[in-house]
Each structure stands twice: as structure tokens, then as C-alpha cells.
N, C-alpha and C. Protein backbone atom coordinates (compact mmCIF):
# COMPACT_ATOMS: atom_id res chain seq x y z
N MET A 1 -25.66 -17.55 33.72
CA MET A 1 -26.22 -16.49 32.89
C MET A 1 -25.81 -16.73 31.43
N THR A 2 -26.75 -16.63 30.54
CA THR A 2 -26.45 -16.84 29.13
C THR A 2 -26.16 -15.50 28.46
N ILE A 3 -25.30 -15.54 27.47
CA ILE A 3 -24.98 -14.35 26.70
C ILE A 3 -26.04 -14.18 25.64
N GLN A 4 -26.49 -12.96 25.42
CA GLN A 4 -27.50 -12.71 24.41
C GLN A 4 -26.92 -12.81 23.01
N ARG A 5 -27.76 -13.14 22.07
CA ARG A 5 -27.35 -13.31 20.68
C ARG A 5 -26.64 -12.08 20.13
N ASN A 6 -27.13 -10.89 20.46
CA ASN A 6 -26.53 -9.68 19.91
C ASN A 6 -25.08 -9.51 20.33
N THR A 7 -24.70 -10.09 21.46
CA THR A 7 -23.31 -10.06 21.87
C THR A 7 -22.46 -10.85 20.89
N TYR A 8 -22.94 -11.99 20.45
CA TYR A 8 -22.21 -12.78 19.46
C TYR A 8 -22.07 -12.04 18.13
N LEU A 9 -23.09 -11.26 17.79
CA LEU A 9 -23.08 -10.56 16.52
C LEU A 9 -22.11 -9.38 16.50
N THR A 10 -21.82 -8.82 17.66
CA THR A 10 -21.00 -7.61 17.72
C THR A 10 -19.62 -7.80 18.34
N GLN A 11 -19.35 -8.95 18.93
CA GLN A 11 -18.05 -9.13 19.57
C GLN A 11 -16.94 -9.33 18.53
N PRO A 12 -15.69 -9.08 18.90
CA PRO A 12 -14.57 -9.24 17.96
C PRO A 12 -14.44 -10.68 17.47
N ASP A 13 -13.84 -10.82 16.29
CA ASP A 13 -13.70 -12.14 15.66
C ASP A 13 -13.02 -13.15 16.58
N ASP A 14 -11.97 -12.74 17.28
CA ASP A 14 -11.23 -13.70 18.12
C ASP A 14 -12.09 -14.23 19.27
N LYS A 15 -12.95 -13.39 19.83
CA LYS A 15 -13.84 -13.86 20.90
C LYS A 15 -14.92 -14.80 20.35
N LEU A 16 -15.45 -14.46 19.18
CA LEU A 16 -16.44 -15.33 18.56
C LEU A 16 -15.81 -16.67 18.21
N LEU A 17 -14.61 -16.64 17.68
CA LEU A 17 -13.91 -17.86 17.31
C LEU A 17 -13.59 -18.72 18.53
N ALA A 18 -13.34 -18.08 19.67
CA ALA A 18 -13.04 -18.82 20.90
C ALA A 18 -14.24 -19.64 21.37
N ALA A 19 -15.44 -19.23 20.98
CA ALA A 19 -16.66 -19.95 21.36
C ALA A 19 -17.02 -21.02 20.33
N CYS A 20 -16.11 -21.30 19.41
CA CYS A 20 -16.38 -22.25 18.33
C CYS A 20 -15.45 -23.45 18.37
N THR A 21 -15.95 -24.55 17.85
CA THR A 21 -15.09 -25.69 17.53
C THR A 21 -14.68 -25.50 16.08
N VAL A 22 -13.38 -25.47 15.83
CA VAL A 22 -12.86 -25.22 14.49
C VAL A 22 -12.31 -26.53 13.94
N GLU A 23 -12.81 -26.91 12.78
CA GLU A 23 -12.31 -28.11 12.10
C GLU A 23 -11.78 -27.69 10.74
N THR A 24 -10.64 -28.26 10.37
CA THR A 24 -10.12 -28.05 9.03
C THR A 24 -10.07 -29.41 8.34
N TYR A 25 -10.29 -29.37 7.04
CA TYR A 25 -10.30 -30.62 6.28
C TYR A 25 -10.01 -30.31 4.83
N ARG A 26 -9.82 -31.33 4.05
CA ARG A 26 -9.57 -31.16 2.63
C ARG A 26 -10.90 -31.05 1.90
N GLY A 27 -11.06 -29.95 1.22
CA GLY A 27 -12.30 -29.74 0.48
C GLY A 27 -12.38 -30.65 -0.72
N SER A 28 -13.57 -31.05 -1.07
CA SER A 28 -13.76 -31.92 -2.22
C SER A 28 -14.26 -31.11 -3.40
N GLY A 29 -14.36 -31.74 -4.53
CA GLY A 29 -14.91 -31.09 -5.70
C GLY A 29 -13.85 -30.59 -6.64
N PRO A 30 -14.26 -29.85 -7.66
CA PRO A 30 -13.32 -29.38 -8.67
C PRO A 30 -12.35 -28.36 -8.08
N GLY A 31 -11.24 -28.19 -8.74
CA GLY A 31 -10.27 -27.22 -8.25
C GLY A 31 -8.88 -27.51 -8.75
N GLY A 32 -8.73 -28.56 -9.48
CA GLY A 32 -7.43 -28.82 -10.07
C GLY A 32 -6.45 -29.46 -9.13
N GLN A 33 -5.20 -29.38 -9.52
CA GLN A 33 -4.16 -30.11 -8.81
C GLN A 33 -3.85 -29.57 -7.42
N HIS A 34 -4.26 -28.34 -7.11
CA HIS A 34 -3.93 -27.77 -5.81
C HIS A 34 -5.03 -27.95 -4.77
N ARG A 35 -6.20 -28.35 -5.18
CA ARG A 35 -7.36 -28.33 -4.31
C ARG A 35 -7.19 -29.21 -3.06
N ASN A 36 -6.77 -30.43 -3.22
CA ASN A 36 -6.78 -31.39 -2.11
C ASN A 36 -5.43 -31.63 -1.47
N LYS A 37 -4.47 -30.72 -1.68
CA LYS A 37 -3.15 -30.92 -1.10
C LYS A 37 -3.06 -30.41 0.33
N ARG A 38 -3.95 -29.56 0.73
CA ARG A 38 -3.90 -28.97 2.06
C ARG A 38 -5.29 -29.02 2.71
N ASP A 39 -5.28 -29.00 4.01
CA ASP A 39 -6.54 -28.91 4.75
C ASP A 39 -6.96 -27.45 4.81
N SER A 40 -7.53 -26.95 3.74
CA SER A 40 -7.87 -25.53 3.67
C SER A 40 -9.34 -25.24 3.97
N ALA A 41 -10.20 -26.23 3.90
CA ALA A 41 -11.61 -26.01 4.20
C ALA A 41 -11.79 -25.85 5.71
N VAL A 42 -12.75 -24.99 6.10
CA VAL A 42 -12.96 -24.69 7.52
C VAL A 42 -14.43 -24.90 7.86
N ARG A 43 -14.67 -25.58 8.97
CA ARG A 43 -16.03 -25.74 9.50
C ARG A 43 -16.02 -25.19 10.92
N LEU A 44 -16.92 -24.26 11.19
CA LEU A 44 -17.05 -23.69 12.53
C LEU A 44 -18.37 -24.14 13.14
N THR A 45 -18.31 -24.63 14.36
CA THR A 45 -19.51 -24.97 15.12
C THR A 45 -19.55 -24.06 16.33
N HIS A 46 -20.53 -23.19 16.38
CA HIS A 46 -20.67 -22.28 17.52
C HIS A 46 -21.30 -23.05 18.66
N ARG A 47 -20.51 -23.33 19.67
CA ARG A 47 -20.96 -24.20 20.77
C ARG A 47 -22.19 -23.67 21.51
N PRO A 48 -22.28 -22.38 21.85
CA PRO A 48 -23.47 -21.92 22.59
C PRO A 48 -24.78 -22.03 21.83
N THR A 49 -24.75 -21.88 20.51
CA THR A 49 -26.00 -21.89 19.74
C THR A 49 -26.17 -23.14 18.88
N GLY A 50 -25.09 -23.86 18.62
CA GLY A 50 -25.15 -25.05 17.77
C GLY A 50 -25.15 -24.74 16.28
N VAL A 51 -24.96 -23.49 15.89
CA VAL A 51 -24.95 -23.10 14.48
C VAL A 51 -23.63 -23.57 13.85
N VAL A 52 -23.74 -24.19 12.66
CA VAL A 52 -22.57 -24.72 11.95
C VAL A 52 -22.48 -24.05 10.58
N VAL A 53 -21.29 -23.58 10.23
CA VAL A 53 -21.05 -23.00 8.90
C VAL A 53 -19.74 -23.56 8.36
N THR A 54 -19.60 -23.52 7.03
CA THR A 54 -18.37 -23.96 6.38
C THR A 54 -17.94 -22.93 5.35
N ALA A 55 -16.65 -22.98 5.04
CA ALA A 55 -16.09 -22.19 3.94
C ALA A 55 -15.04 -23.07 3.29
N THR A 56 -15.21 -23.32 2.00
CA THR A 56 -14.31 -24.23 1.29
C THR A 56 -13.79 -23.67 -0.02
N GLU A 57 -14.27 -22.50 -0.42
CA GLU A 57 -14.01 -22.06 -1.79
C GLU A 57 -12.60 -21.54 -2.05
N ARG A 58 -11.86 -21.16 -1.03
CA ARG A 58 -10.50 -20.64 -1.23
C ARG A 58 -9.45 -21.68 -0.90
N ARG A 59 -8.28 -21.51 -1.48
CA ARG A 59 -7.17 -22.42 -1.19
C ARG A 59 -6.48 -22.07 0.12
N SER A 60 -6.74 -20.89 0.63
CA SER A 60 -6.13 -20.43 1.88
C SER A 60 -7.04 -20.73 3.06
N GLN A 61 -6.49 -21.42 4.04
CA GLN A 61 -7.26 -21.72 5.24
C GLN A 61 -7.63 -20.43 5.97
N HIS A 62 -6.72 -19.45 5.98
CA HIS A 62 -6.98 -18.19 6.67
C HIS A 62 -8.14 -17.43 6.02
N GLU A 63 -8.16 -17.41 4.68
CA GLU A 63 -9.26 -16.75 3.98
C GLU A 63 -10.57 -17.49 4.24
N ASN A 64 -10.54 -18.81 4.22
CA ASN A 64 -11.74 -19.59 4.51
C ASN A 64 -12.22 -19.36 5.94
N ARG A 65 -11.30 -19.20 6.87
CA ARG A 65 -11.67 -18.94 8.25
C ARG A 65 -12.37 -17.57 8.37
N ARG A 66 -11.83 -16.56 7.69
CA ARG A 66 -12.47 -15.23 7.70
C ARG A 66 -13.88 -15.30 7.11
N ARG A 67 -14.01 -16.02 6.01
CA ARG A 67 -15.34 -16.16 5.38
C ARG A 67 -16.30 -16.91 6.30
N ALA A 68 -15.80 -17.95 6.96
CA ALA A 68 -16.65 -18.73 7.86
C ALA A 68 -17.13 -17.89 9.04
N ILE A 69 -16.27 -17.02 9.56
CA ILE A 69 -16.67 -16.15 10.68
C ILE A 69 -17.78 -15.21 10.23
N LYS A 70 -17.67 -14.62 9.03
CA LYS A 70 -18.72 -13.75 8.51
C LYS A 70 -20.02 -14.52 8.34
N ARG A 71 -19.91 -15.73 7.81
CA ARG A 71 -21.11 -16.57 7.62
C ARG A 71 -21.73 -16.96 8.96
N LEU A 72 -20.88 -17.21 9.95
CA LEU A 72 -21.38 -17.59 11.27
C LEU A 72 -22.20 -16.46 11.87
N ARG A 73 -21.70 -15.23 11.80
CA ARG A 73 -22.45 -14.10 12.34
C ARG A 73 -23.83 -14.00 11.68
N LYS A 74 -23.84 -14.11 10.36
CA LYS A 74 -25.11 -13.99 9.65
C LYS A 74 -26.04 -15.16 9.99
N ALA A 75 -25.48 -16.37 10.09
CA ALA A 75 -26.30 -17.54 10.43
C ALA A 75 -26.89 -17.40 11.83
N ILE A 76 -26.12 -16.88 12.78
CA ILE A 76 -26.64 -16.67 14.13
C ILE A 76 -27.79 -15.68 14.08
N ALA A 77 -27.62 -14.58 13.33
CA ALA A 77 -28.67 -13.57 13.23
C ALA A 77 -29.94 -14.15 12.62
N LEU A 78 -29.79 -15.01 11.61
CA LEU A 78 -30.96 -15.51 10.89
C LEU A 78 -31.60 -16.73 11.53
N GLU A 79 -30.86 -17.47 12.33
CA GLU A 79 -31.38 -18.74 12.86
C GLU A 79 -31.72 -18.72 14.34
N VAL A 80 -31.03 -17.91 15.14
CA VAL A 80 -31.22 -17.93 16.59
C VAL A 80 -32.26 -16.89 16.98
N ARG A 81 -33.36 -17.35 17.51
CA ARG A 81 -34.45 -16.46 17.91
C ARG A 81 -34.42 -16.23 19.42
N GLU A 82 -34.77 -15.01 19.82
CA GLU A 82 -34.91 -14.64 21.22
C GLU A 82 -36.25 -13.96 21.40
N ALA A 83 -36.68 -13.84 22.64
CA ALA A 83 -37.92 -13.11 22.92
C ALA A 83 -37.69 -11.65 22.55
N PRO A 84 -38.61 -11.05 21.80
CA PRO A 84 -38.40 -9.66 21.39
C PRO A 84 -38.48 -8.71 22.57
N CYS A 85 -37.70 -7.65 22.46
CA CYS A 85 -37.75 -6.60 23.48
C CYS A 85 -37.95 -5.27 22.74
N ALA A 86 -37.77 -4.17 23.43
CA ALA A 86 -37.94 -2.86 22.79
C ALA A 86 -36.95 -2.73 21.63
N PRO A 87 -37.37 -2.12 20.53
CA PRO A 87 -36.48 -1.98 19.38
C PRO A 87 -35.19 -1.23 19.73
N SER A 88 -34.07 -1.76 19.28
CA SER A 88 -32.78 -1.14 19.55
C SER A 88 -32.56 0.05 18.61
N ASP A 89 -31.51 0.82 18.90
CA ASP A 89 -31.16 1.93 18.02
C ASP A 89 -30.79 1.41 16.62
N ALA A 90 -30.14 0.26 16.57
CA ALA A 90 -29.76 -0.32 15.28
C ALA A 90 -31.01 -0.64 14.45
N LEU A 91 -32.03 -1.16 15.10
CA LEU A 91 -33.27 -1.49 14.39
C LEU A 91 -33.99 -0.23 13.92
N ARG A 92 -34.05 0.78 14.78
CA ARG A 92 -34.70 2.03 14.38
C ARG A 92 -33.97 2.66 13.19
N ALA A 93 -32.64 2.64 13.22
CA ALA A 93 -31.86 3.22 12.12
C ALA A 93 -32.07 2.43 10.83
N ALA A 94 -32.18 1.12 10.93
CA ALA A 94 -32.34 0.27 9.75
C ALA A 94 -33.68 0.50 9.07
N LEU A 95 -34.70 0.83 9.84
CA LEU A 95 -36.05 1.00 9.28
C LEU A 95 -36.42 2.45 9.03
N ASP A 96 -35.50 3.36 9.29
CA ASP A 96 -35.76 4.78 9.11
C ASP A 96 -35.83 5.13 7.63
N ASP A 97 -37.01 5.54 7.16
CA ASP A 97 -37.19 5.87 5.75
C ASP A 97 -36.48 7.15 5.34
N SER A 98 -36.18 8.03 6.30
CA SER A 98 -35.55 9.29 5.94
C SER A 98 -34.06 9.13 5.65
N ALA A 99 -33.47 8.03 6.11
CA ALA A 99 -32.04 7.81 5.88
C ALA A 99 -31.84 6.79 4.76
N TRP A 100 -31.02 7.15 3.79
CA TRP A 100 -30.71 6.21 2.73
C TRP A 100 -29.27 6.38 2.33
N PRO A 101 -28.45 5.36 2.25
CA PRO A 101 -28.86 3.99 2.55
C PRO A 101 -29.07 3.83 4.04
N ARG A 102 -29.87 2.87 4.38
CA ARG A 102 -30.19 2.65 5.79
C ARG A 102 -28.92 2.26 6.53
N VAL A 103 -28.82 1.04 6.92
CA VAL A 103 -27.65 0.51 7.60
C VAL A 103 -26.94 -0.41 6.62
N SER A 104 -25.65 -0.27 6.50
CA SER A 104 -24.89 -1.10 5.57
C SER A 104 -24.98 -2.57 5.99
N GLN A 105 -25.15 -3.45 5.00
CA GLN A 105 -25.22 -4.88 5.30
C GLN A 105 -23.89 -5.41 5.82
N ARG A 106 -22.84 -4.64 5.71
CA ARG A 106 -21.53 -5.07 6.20
C ARG A 106 -21.32 -4.74 7.69
N SER A 107 -22.19 -3.95 8.26
CA SER A 107 -22.00 -3.55 9.66
C SER A 107 -22.66 -4.54 10.61
N ALA A 108 -22.14 -4.57 11.82
CA ALA A 108 -22.72 -5.43 12.86
C ALA A 108 -24.13 -4.96 13.21
N ALA A 109 -24.39 -3.66 13.08
CA ALA A 109 -25.72 -3.12 13.39
C ALA A 109 -26.78 -3.70 12.46
N TYR A 110 -26.41 -4.00 11.22
CA TYR A 110 -27.36 -4.59 10.27
C TYR A 110 -27.81 -5.96 10.77
N LEU A 111 -26.86 -6.79 11.20
CA LEU A 111 -27.22 -8.13 11.66
C LEU A 111 -28.07 -8.07 12.93
N VAL A 112 -27.77 -7.12 13.81
CA VAL A 112 -28.58 -6.94 15.01
C VAL A 112 -30.01 -6.57 14.62
N ALA A 113 -30.15 -5.63 13.69
CA ALA A 113 -31.47 -5.20 13.24
C ALA A 113 -32.22 -6.34 12.57
N ALA A 114 -31.54 -7.08 11.70
CA ALA A 114 -32.18 -8.20 11.01
C ALA A 114 -32.66 -9.26 12.01
N ALA A 115 -31.83 -9.58 12.99
CA ALA A 115 -32.21 -10.57 13.99
C ALA A 115 -33.42 -10.11 14.79
N GLU A 116 -33.44 -8.84 15.16
CA GLU A 116 -34.56 -8.32 15.95
C GLU A 116 -35.86 -8.32 15.13
N ILE A 117 -35.77 -7.99 13.85
CA ILE A 117 -36.96 -8.04 13.01
C ILE A 117 -37.52 -9.46 12.97
N LEU A 118 -36.65 -10.43 12.80
CA LEU A 118 -37.10 -11.82 12.76
C LEU A 118 -37.69 -12.25 14.11
N ASP A 119 -37.11 -11.77 15.21
CA ASP A 119 -37.68 -12.06 16.54
C ASP A 119 -39.11 -11.53 16.64
N HIS A 120 -39.31 -10.28 16.21
CA HIS A 120 -40.64 -9.67 16.28
C HIS A 120 -41.62 -10.39 15.33
N LEU A 121 -41.15 -10.72 14.14
CA LEU A 121 -42.00 -11.42 13.18
C LEU A 121 -42.44 -12.77 13.74
N ASP A 122 -41.53 -13.48 14.38
CA ASP A 122 -41.85 -14.77 14.99
C ASP A 122 -42.86 -14.60 16.13
N ALA A 123 -42.65 -13.57 16.94
CA ALA A 123 -43.56 -13.32 18.08
C ALA A 123 -44.94 -12.89 17.60
N ASP A 124 -45.01 -12.23 16.44
CA ASP A 124 -46.28 -11.77 15.89
C ASP A 124 -46.93 -12.80 14.98
N GLN A 125 -46.55 -14.07 15.14
CA GLN A 125 -47.13 -15.17 14.38
C GLN A 125 -46.95 -15.00 12.87
N GLY A 126 -45.83 -14.37 12.47
CA GLY A 126 -45.50 -14.24 11.05
C GLY A 126 -46.27 -13.14 10.33
N LYS A 127 -47.00 -12.32 11.04
CA LYS A 127 -47.81 -11.27 10.42
C LYS A 127 -46.99 -9.99 10.29
N ALA A 128 -46.61 -9.68 9.06
CA ALA A 128 -45.75 -8.52 8.79
C ALA A 128 -46.42 -7.22 9.21
N SER A 129 -47.72 -7.11 9.03
CA SER A 129 -48.41 -5.86 9.38
C SER A 129 -48.37 -5.62 10.89
N GLU A 130 -48.53 -6.69 11.68
CA GLU A 130 -48.45 -6.54 13.14
C GLU A 130 -47.03 -6.20 13.57
N THR A 131 -46.06 -6.82 12.93
CA THR A 131 -44.66 -6.54 13.25
C THR A 131 -44.33 -5.08 12.93
N ALA A 132 -44.76 -4.63 11.77
CA ALA A 132 -44.52 -3.24 11.38
C ALA A 132 -45.17 -2.28 12.38
N GLY A 133 -46.39 -2.57 12.78
CA GLY A 133 -47.07 -1.74 13.76
C GLY A 133 -46.35 -1.71 15.09
N ARG A 134 -45.88 -2.86 15.52
CA ARG A 134 -45.14 -2.93 16.78
C ARG A 134 -43.85 -2.11 16.71
N LEU A 135 -43.23 -2.10 15.53
CA LEU A 135 -41.96 -1.39 15.37
C LEU A 135 -42.15 0.07 14.99
N GLY A 136 -43.40 0.48 14.75
CA GLY A 136 -43.68 1.88 14.45
C GLY A 136 -43.31 2.29 13.03
N VAL A 137 -43.37 1.36 12.10
CA VAL A 137 -43.08 1.66 10.69
C VAL A 137 -44.21 1.11 9.83
N SER A 138 -44.20 1.48 8.56
CA SER A 138 -45.21 0.94 7.66
C SER A 138 -44.84 -0.47 7.25
N THR A 139 -45.85 -1.22 6.84
CA THR A 139 -45.60 -2.57 6.35
C THR A 139 -44.70 -2.52 5.11
N ALA A 140 -44.89 -1.52 4.28
CA ALA A 140 -44.06 -1.37 3.08
C ALA A 140 -42.59 -1.15 3.45
N SER A 141 -42.34 -0.36 4.46
CA SER A 141 -40.97 -0.09 4.89
C SER A 141 -40.31 -1.36 5.43
N LEU A 142 -41.06 -2.12 6.21
CA LEU A 142 -40.55 -3.37 6.74
C LEU A 142 -40.25 -4.36 5.61
N THR A 143 -41.18 -4.50 4.69
CA THR A 143 -41.01 -5.42 3.57
C THR A 143 -39.84 -4.98 2.70
N LYS A 144 -39.71 -3.68 2.49
CA LYS A 144 -38.60 -3.15 1.69
C LYS A 144 -37.26 -3.53 2.31
N PHE A 145 -37.17 -3.44 3.63
CA PHE A 145 -35.94 -3.82 4.32
C PHE A 145 -35.66 -5.31 4.14
N LEU A 146 -36.69 -6.13 4.27
CA LEU A 146 -36.51 -7.58 4.13
C LEU A 146 -36.08 -7.94 2.70
N LEU A 147 -36.55 -7.20 1.72
CA LEU A 147 -36.24 -7.50 0.33
C LEU A 147 -34.81 -7.13 -0.06
N LEU A 148 -34.12 -6.36 0.77
CA LEU A 148 -32.75 -5.95 0.45
C LEU A 148 -31.76 -7.10 0.54
N ASP A 149 -32.11 -8.15 1.27
CA ASP A 149 -31.18 -9.27 1.50
C ASP A 149 -31.95 -10.57 1.28
N ALA A 150 -31.53 -11.33 0.29
CA ALA A 150 -32.22 -12.59 -0.05
C ALA A 150 -32.21 -13.57 1.12
N ASP A 151 -31.12 -13.63 1.87
CA ASP A 151 -31.05 -14.55 3.02
C ASP A 151 -32.03 -14.13 4.11
N LEU A 152 -32.13 -12.84 4.35
CA LEU A 152 -33.06 -12.33 5.36
C LEU A 152 -34.50 -12.61 4.93
N LEU A 153 -34.79 -12.38 3.66
CA LEU A 153 -36.13 -12.66 3.15
C LEU A 153 -36.46 -14.15 3.27
N ASP A 154 -35.50 -15.01 2.96
CA ASP A 154 -35.71 -16.46 3.12
C ASP A 154 -36.01 -16.83 4.57
N ALA A 155 -35.27 -16.23 5.51
CA ALA A 155 -35.50 -16.52 6.92
C ALA A 155 -36.90 -16.06 7.34
N ALA A 156 -37.29 -14.87 6.89
CA ALA A 156 -38.63 -14.37 7.22
C ALA A 156 -39.70 -15.27 6.62
N ASN A 157 -39.49 -15.72 5.39
CA ASN A 157 -40.48 -16.59 4.75
C ASN A 157 -40.52 -17.97 5.39
N ARG A 158 -39.41 -18.46 5.93
CA ARG A 158 -39.43 -19.73 6.67
C ARG A 158 -40.32 -19.59 7.91
N ILE A 159 -40.19 -18.46 8.59
CA ILE A 159 -41.04 -18.21 9.77
C ILE A 159 -42.50 -18.17 9.34
N ARG A 160 -42.79 -17.42 8.28
CA ARG A 160 -44.17 -17.29 7.81
C ARG A 160 -44.74 -18.63 7.35
N ARG A 161 -43.93 -19.41 6.63
CA ARG A 161 -44.39 -20.72 6.15
C ARG A 161 -44.70 -21.64 7.33
N ARG A 162 -43.82 -21.63 8.34
CA ARG A 162 -44.03 -22.47 9.52
C ARG A 162 -45.33 -22.11 10.23
N LEU A 163 -45.73 -20.84 10.14
CA LEU A 163 -46.94 -20.37 10.83
C LEU A 163 -48.16 -20.30 9.91
N GLY A 164 -48.02 -20.84 8.67
CA GLY A 164 -49.16 -20.96 7.78
C GLY A 164 -49.48 -19.74 6.93
N HIS A 165 -48.50 -18.87 6.68
CA HIS A 165 -48.74 -17.69 5.85
C HIS A 165 -48.04 -17.83 4.51
N LYS A 166 -48.51 -17.05 3.54
CA LYS A 166 -47.88 -17.02 2.23
C LYS A 166 -46.55 -16.29 2.34
N PRO A 167 -45.61 -16.60 1.45
CA PRO A 167 -44.31 -15.91 1.48
C PRO A 167 -44.43 -14.44 1.06
N LEU A 168 -43.55 -13.62 1.60
CA LEU A 168 -43.46 -12.23 1.17
C LEU A 168 -42.73 -12.18 -0.16
N ARG A 169 -43.11 -11.24 -1.00
CA ARG A 169 -42.42 -11.08 -2.29
C ARG A 169 -42.05 -9.65 -2.51
């Protein structure tokens, strides 16, 4: 039995890290005399999905590891597609026009909602209007949500480009 993507997005850091190959290395580039003295750069490879992320900007390996875990969650949400199912509570809350701000981008519910939107968009052949209709919201509301996060918009536009549509703006 395979674990669903949303489990990876919401499980504790230590469990997510246990499913990863962790590599540390000396980061390259500018940084002065302290940059290359320690193996502070971190590369995480999530074994179940094959998603790879790195964090090299801090001199602390622990800080880079925390950043890499955050990046890994977001990369899993944006890159790993599943067959769409009924919209979750997180997705309904994220697209609810009556609530503002919707769902904080720092919460696990945001990543779950973003991943589900991309699943539906992919299943609807990249057509935002069909996705919005399936989710019971307006196309404007869906587009507004996608525009809140540049990475999410890029992922949606990659799907649309692959399926022969113009990018959303």
C-alpha cells in the first residue's frame, strides 16, 4: 500500500526526514572565509517520490536542514500529482471567498489545498474554468488563489503549457 501525498505534507518533520536520504556537503560560491570549512549544505532526496531539494544559504547545517524540509514539503505539493478526489476541507477553506485571509501559506493545509488544485487542473486538461466549476468556485477565485504564490502559479502554468494552453496571469 502506498502512502498518499497529503500524508507527506502533514506528517511531522522527523517522519518526513526518515523517508529521505540526507546528504551534507560543502557549499560552493561566495561566503568568505567561513563558507567552505564545514559540511553545512544539505540535500534531501525523498525516496518515495524522488523529489530532491537543497539548502545551502546558511552556515548552520541544522538551519539548512530545516529550510530543506520546508522546501521538500512544497516541492512534493507542487510536483507530485495524484488522481483528484472530492475536495478536502483544506481546499474548500482555501477557496472560500468569505474568509480572508484564506489559509496561511505557512500551514500544512495550504500545501494540501495547492496540491489538490494542481491535481484537478491536470485532470481537467489545464482548463481553469473547468477546474473552478468542478470545485464549485468562480474562475476568478481560483485564479486569485493561484496568484498568491509565485511557485504555485509556475506549477499551474507548467501544467497548462504541457497541455497547450496559454499561461495564467
